[in-house]
């Protein structure tokens, strides 16, 4: 059994949770960029649930960006998935307002 797989199995046995292999990545941010990045991660955590890791929040931010960028490739299915994902986080009143605006624009 490979070492990584063994480590995951031991952790699963000890914690009762499945884990995925991981690695730490580093990248440089200018001090002026830090507030924007922090606010983006904090906002994602509010939408996704505060129990989510910062890495997961960053992954979702990137996935959303990729969904928007894929519009250039004319793949509306990716955009629909992104909109659907975020729609479920809206409070009831905002869901109704969104649907109302969408219906007005399609009429």
Protein backbone atom coordinates (compact mmCIF):
# COMPACT_ATOMS: atom_id res chain seq x y z
CA UNK A 1 0.00 0.00 0.00
CA UNK A 2 1.48 3.39 -1.00
CA UNK A 3 2.46 5.68 1.88
CA UNK A 4 -0.15 8.40 1.04
CA UNK A 5 -2.96 5.88 0.90
CA UNK A 6 -1.83 4.36 4.19
CA UNK A 7 -1.82 7.79 5.87
CA UNK A 8 -5.38 8.45 4.60
CA UNK A 9 -6.59 5.09 5.88
CA UNK A 10 -5.06 5.69 9.32
CA UNK A 11 -6.60 9.17 9.53
CA UNK A 12 -9.97 7.79 8.42
CA UNK A 13 -9.80 5.14 11.12
CA UNK A 14 -8.80 7.65 13.81
CA UNK A 15 -11.19 10.48 12.90
CA UNK A 16 -13.98 8.65 11.10
CA UNK A 17 -13.68 11.08 8.18
CA UNK A 18 -12.58 10.59 4.62
CA UNK A 19 -9.66 12.81 3.70
CA UNK A 20 -8.24 13.82 0.40
CA UNK A 21 -4.53 14.16 -0.20
CA UNK A 22 -3.36 17.75 0.00
CA UNK A 23 -0.38 19.99 -0.37
CA UNK A 24 0.49 23.49 0.70
CA UNK A 25 0.92 26.02 -2.08
CA UNK A 26 2.48 29.43 -1.83
CA UNK A 27 2.10 32.52 -3.94
CA UNK A 28 3.07 36.11 -3.50
CA UNK A 29 0.47 38.79 -2.78
CA UNK A 30 1.16 42.48 -2.62
CA UNK A 31 -0.05 44.14 0.57
CA UNK A 32 -2.62 46.07 -1.46
CA UNK A 33 -4.10 42.76 -2.71
CA UNK A 34 -4.52 41.12 0.68
CA UNK A 35 -7.75 42.92 1.72
CA UNK A 36 -9.47 41.93 -1.54
CA UNK A 37 -8.38 38.30 -1.25
CA UNK A 38 -9.37 38.13 2.43
CA UNK A 39 -12.77 39.70 1.73
CA UNK A 40 -13.37 37.28 -1.14
CA UNK A 41 -12.56 34.26 1.03
CA UNK A 42 -14.66 35.59 3.93
CA UNK A 43 -17.61 36.22 1.61
CA UNK A 44 -17.29 32.73 0.14
CA UNK A 45 -17.21 31.29 3.68
CA UNK A 46 -20.45 33.12 4.50
CA UNK A 47 -22.11 31.69 1.40
CA UNK A 48 -20.69 28.19 1.68
CA UNK A 49 -20.76 27.82 5.45
CA UNK A 50 -18.16 28.89 7.96
CA UNK A 51 -17.14 25.28 8.54
CA UNK A 52 -15.52 25.18 5.09
CA UNK A 53 -11.77 25.56 4.83
CA UNK A 54 -10.15 28.59 3.26
CA UNK A 55 -8.82 26.28 0.56
CA UNK A 56 -12.34 25.11 -0.30
CA UNK A 57 -13.55 28.72 -0.40
CA UNK A 58 -10.72 29.65 -2.74
CA UNK A 59 -11.54 26.64 -4.93
CA UNK A 60 -15.18 27.79 -5.22
CA UNK A 61 -14.10 31.33 -6.09
CA UNK A 62 -11.89 29.93 -8.85
CA UNK A 63 -14.66 27.61 -10.07
CA UNK A 64 -17.02 30.59 -10.30
CA UNK A 65 -14.42 32.56 -12.23
CA UNK A 66 -13.91 29.66 -14.63
CA UNK A 67 -17.66 29.38 -15.14
CA UNK A 68 -17.80 33.06 -16.12
CA UNK A 69 -14.72 32.76 -18.31
CA UNK A 70 -16.24 29.79 -20.14
CA UNK A 71 -18.93 32.10 -21.53
CA UNK A 72 -16.41 33.06 -24.20
CA UNK A 73 -16.44 29.42 -25.29
CA UNK A 74 -20.24 29.50 -25.67
CA UNK A 75 -20.93 26.84 -23.04
CA UNK A 76 -24.09 28.09 -21.31
CA UNK A 77 -24.37 24.87 -19.28
CA UNK A 78 -21.39 25.88 -17.12
CA UNK A 79 -22.92 29.30 -16.49
CA UNK A 80 -26.26 27.70 -15.59
CA UNK A 81 -24.53 25.43 -13.05
CA UNK A 82 -22.79 28.43 -11.50
CA UNK A 83 -25.98 30.49 -11.27
CA UNK A 84 -27.88 27.54 -9.79
CA UNK A 85 -25.19 27.00 -7.19
CA UNK A 86 -25.36 30.60 -6.00
CA UNK A 87 -29.14 30.90 -6.27
CA UNK A 88 -29.63 28.40 -3.46
CA UNK A 89 -27.69 30.67 -1.06
CA UNK A 90 -30.05 33.62 -1.56
CA UNK A 91 -32.61 34.33 1.17
CA UNK A 92 -36.23 33.79 0.12
CA UNK A 93 -36.96 37.46 -0.61
CA UNK A 94 -33.94 37.79 -2.89
CA UNK A 95 -34.83 34.53 -4.66
CA UNK A 96 -38.24 35.98 -5.51
CA UNK A 97 -36.69 39.28 -6.67
CA UNK A 98 -34.21 37.40 -8.86
CA UNK A 99 -36.90 35.25 -10.43
CA UNK A 100 -39.09 38.30 -11.00
CA UNK A 101 -36.28 40.13 -12.79
CA UNK A 102 -35.45 37.04 -14.85
CA UNK A 103 -39.09 36.65 -15.89
CA UNK A 104 -39.31 40.34 -16.89
CA UNK A 105 -36.24 40.03 -19.09
CA UNK A 106 -37.45 36.88 -20.85
CA UNK A 107 -40.93 38.28 -21.50
